[in-house]
Amino acid sequence: MRRPKVIILTGPCGVGKTTISKLLLEQLDLIYISGDEIAKGKFPAISYITEHPEKLQIVKRELYDLSRTYFFDHNKAVLIDYVILGRDYIAEFQQTFKSNLILKVLLPDRQVIVQRDRDRACWESGKDMINNLYDKYIGLKEHIGAENYIDSGKQTAQETVDFILQQIIEIT
């Protein structure tokens, strides 16, 4: 990357955000910000932060503030890994970082996400939560842009990373 960027990798639980993020970190010099880690650090007793809107707002604010600090104050490229929803919240990132923002939504078919969710070792979100998040991401497609959605269900993790890297190269 010629200049620092803020890359947001988002999508419903179980789509592979963290897996893809780790692979991107191996190839790019990025500051990694995990929304899940922020939530666990601030509210370790809460399993589903979405059930606590006031606490979710705190996590989202810290995610945004850290991104701004690393990008503007330290001139660092940032990779954010989190389920980021909300038209206003996304618009805040778009307005702040403008052409320096790369937003990618991993969104394979619902069945693929449900199966991946069942297969992962850490924890399971469940079909209801996945369907709810899936519908929200479909509703944001016009706002985010269809070109920023990646159907990673028919790709390996490395193929998805290669696809994202190619798009980053084209943008920068």
Protein backbone atom coordinates (compact mmCIF):
# COMPACT_ATOMS: atom_id res chain seq x y z
CA MET A 1 0.00 0.00 0.00
CA ARG A 2 1.38 3.39 -0.95
CA ARG A 3 -0.41 5.27 1.82
CA PRO A 4 -2.19 4.10 4.94
CA LYS A 5 -5.71 2.81 4.58
CA VAL A 6 -8.46 1.81 6.95
CA ILE A 7 -9.71 -1.60 5.95
CA ILE A 8 -12.93 -2.88 7.49
CA LEU A 9 -13.60 -6.58 7.10
CA THR A 10 -17.15 -7.29 8.21
CA GLY A 11 -20.05 -9.68 7.82
CA PRO A 12 -22.20 -11.94 9.98
CA CYS A 13 -20.72 -14.22 12.61
CA GLY A 14 -18.98 -17.24 11.12
CA VAL A 15 -18.09 -15.86 7.67
CA GLY A 16 -14.34 -15.98 8.31
CA LYS A 17 -13.50 -12.37 9.18
CA THR A 18 -10.84 -13.31 11.70
CA THR A 19 -9.36 -16.03 9.50
CA ILE A 20 -9.13 -13.66 6.54
CA SER A 21 -7.79 -10.87 8.78
CA LYS A 22 -4.97 -13.04 10.08
CA LEU A 23 -3.97 -13.97 6.54
CA LEU A 24 -4.05 -10.31 5.46
CA LEU A 25 -1.86 -9.41 8.43
CA GLU A 26 0.76 -11.86 7.17
CA GLN A 27 0.99 -9.92 3.90
CA LEU A 28 0.36 -6.30 4.86
CA ASP A 29 1.77 -3.99 7.51
CA LEU A 30 -1.46 -3.21 9.38
CA ILE A 31 -2.58 -2.39 12.90
CA TYR A 32 -5.18 -5.03 13.78
CA ILE A 33 -8.28 -3.96 15.69
CA SER A 34 -10.68 -6.71 16.72
CA GLY A 35 -14.11 -5.58 17.82
CA ASP A 36 -14.61 -8.94 19.54
CA GLU A 37 -11.45 -8.40 21.59
CA ILE A 38 -12.54 -4.90 22.58
CA ALA A 39 -15.93 -6.25 23.67
CA LYS A 40 -14.37 -9.12 25.63
CA GLY A 41 -11.88 -6.77 27.27
CA LYS A 42 -14.45 -4.21 28.33
CA PHE A 43 -17.32 -6.57 29.16
CA PRO A 44 -15.93 -10.06 29.85
CA ALA A 45 -19.16 -11.33 31.44
CA ILE A 46 -21.28 -10.56 28.35
CA SER A 47 -21.52 -13.25 25.67
CA TYR A 48 -23.78 -11.40 23.23
CA ILE A 49 -22.94 -7.70 23.22
CA THR A 50 -25.80 -7.07 20.76
CA GLU A 51 -28.23 -7.74 23.62
CA HIS A 52 -26.75 -4.71 25.45
CA PRO A 53 -27.12 -1.71 23.10
CA GLU A 54 -25.50 0.79 25.48
CA LYS A 55 -22.42 -1.42 25.86
CA LEU A 56 -22.31 -2.10 22.13
CA GLN A 57 -22.15 1.67 21.58
CA ILE A 58 -19.09 1.83 23.85
CA VAL A 59 -17.38 -0.91 21.82
CA LYS A 60 -18.26 0.77 18.52
CA ARG A 61 -16.98 4.13 19.78
CA GLU A 62 -13.67 2.62 20.88
CA LEU A 63 -13.30 0.85 17.53
CA TYR A 64 -13.83 4.14 15.72
CA ASP A 65 -11.58 6.14 18.06
CA LEU A 66 -8.73 3.63 17.80
CA SER A 67 -9.00 3.70 14.01
CA ARG A 68 -8.82 7.49 13.96
CA THR A 69 -5.88 7.58 16.35
CA TYR A 70 -3.77 5.03 14.47
CA PHE A 71 -4.62 6.46 11.07
CA PHE A 72 -4.41 10.20 11.69
CA ASP A 73 -2.05 10.50 14.67
CA HIS A 74 0.35 7.67 13.86
CA ASN A 75 -0.03 7.45 10.06
CA LYS A 76 -0.68 3.71 10.27
CA ALA A 77 -2.85 1.48 8.12
CA VAL A 78 -5.58 -0.25 10.10
CA LEU A 79 -7.50 -3.50 9.70
CA ILE A 80 -10.80 -3.70 11.59
CA ASP A 81 -12.40 -7.11 12.11
CA TYR A 82 -15.95 -6.86 13.45
CA VAL A 83 -19.65 -7.19 12.75
CA ILE A 84 -20.18 -3.53 11.85
CA LEU A 85 -23.76 -2.54 11.27
CA GLY A 86 -25.77 0.63 11.17
CA ARG A 87 -26.05 3.03 8.27
CA ASP A 88 -25.03 6.00 10.44
CA TYR A 89 -22.03 4.19 11.93
CA ILE A 90 -20.78 3.12 8.51
CA ALA A 91 -21.39 6.63 7.17
CA GLU A 92 -19.23 8.02 10.00
CA PHE A 93 -16.31 5.85 8.82
CA GLN A 94 -16.98 6.82 5.20
CA GLN A 95 -17.04 10.54 6.01
CA THR A 96 -13.98 10.40 8.25
CA PHE A 97 -11.68 8.28 6.10
CA LYS A 98 -13.13 9.08 2.66
CA SER A 99 -11.07 7.46 -0.13
CA ASN A 100 -8.77 5.90 2.47
CA LEU A 101 -11.53 3.51 3.57
CA ILE A 102 -11.77 0.02 2.14
CA LEU A 103 -14.93 -1.72 3.33
CA LYS A 104 -15.46 -5.39 2.48
CA VAL A 105 -18.44 -7.49 3.52
CA LEU A 106 -17.95 -11.25 3.55
CA LEU A 107 -21.36 -12.69 2.72
CA PRO A 108 -21.59 -16.25 1.44
CA ASP A 109 -24.94 -18.05 1.27
CA ARG A 110 -26.82 -18.42 4.55
CA GLN A 111 -26.36 -22.19 4.59
CA VAL A 112 -22.60 -21.82 4.25
CA ILE A 113 -22.49 -19.38 7.17
CA VAL A 114 -24.63 -21.63 9.40
CA GLN A 115 -22.36 -24.60 8.65
CA ARG A 116 -19.18 -22.60 9.28
CA ASP A 117 -20.68 -21.33 12.52
CA ARG A 118 -21.37 -24.91 13.64
CA ASP A 119 -17.88 -26.05 12.65
CA ARG A 120 -15.85 -23.39 14.42
CA ALA A 121 -14.20 -24.28 17.70
CA CYS A 122 -14.54 -21.03 19.64
CA TRP A 123 -18.30 -20.48 19.96
CA GLU A 124 -21.52 -20.73 18.02
CA SER A 125 -23.80 -17.81 17.16
CA GLY A 126 -26.77 -19.86 16.04
CA LYS A 127 -29.01 -19.83 13.01
CA ASP A 128 -31.36 -17.10 14.29
CA MET A 129 -28.56 -14.60 14.89
CA ILE A 130 -26.96 -15.42 11.54
CA ASN A 131 -30.26 -14.93 9.70
CA ASN A 132 -30.85 -11.63 11.51
CA LEU A 133 -27.37 -10.33 10.66
CA TYR A 134 -27.57 -11.65 7.10
CA ASP A 135 -30.79 -9.70 6.51
CA LYS A 136 -29.22 -6.54 7.95
CA TYR A 137 -26.23 -6.82 5.63
CA ILE A 138 -28.53 -7.35 2.64
CA GLY A 139 -30.34 -4.17 3.70
CA LEU A 140 -27.04 -2.25 3.72
CA LYS A 141 -25.94 -3.42 0.27
CA GLU A 142 -27.12 -0.29 -1.52
CA HIS A 143 -25.42 1.95 1.07
CA ILE A 144 -22.13 0.01 1.15
CA GLY A 145 -22.13 -0.89 -2.54
CA ALA A 146 -22.65 -4.32 -4.08
CA GLU A 147 -19.05 -4.25 -5.37
CA ASN A 148 -17.86 -4.41 -1.75
CA TYR A 149 -19.64 -7.68 -1.01
CA ILE A 150 -17.67 -10.90 -1.38
CA ASP A 151 -19.28 -14.31 -1.68
CA SER A 152 -16.50 -16.18 0.10
CA GLY A 153 -18.50 -19.41 0.24
CA LYS A 154 -17.02 -20.80 -2.95
CA GLN A 155 -13.44 -19.76 -2.18
CA THR A 156 -10.72 -20.89 0.15
CA ALA A 157 -9.60 -18.37 2.75
CA GLN A 158 -6.44 -17.72 0.72
CA GLU A 159 -8.45 -17.13 -2.46
CA THR A 160 -10.55 -14.56 -0.60
CA VAL A 161 -7.38 -12.87 0.69
CA ASP A 162 -5.89 -12.81 -2.82
CA PHE A 163 -9.11 -11.25 -4.15
CA ILE A 164 -9.06 -8.54 -1.44
CA LEU A 165 -5.35 -7.87 -2.01
CA GLN A 166 -5.96 -7.43 -5.73
CA GLN A 167 -8.69 -4.89 -5.01
CA ILE A 168 -6.43 -3.03 -2.57
CA ILE A 169 -3.71 -2.86 -5.23
CA GLU A 170 -6.19 -1.49 -7.78
CA ILE A 171 -7.41 1.19 -5.35
CA THR A 172 -3.98 2.39 -4.18
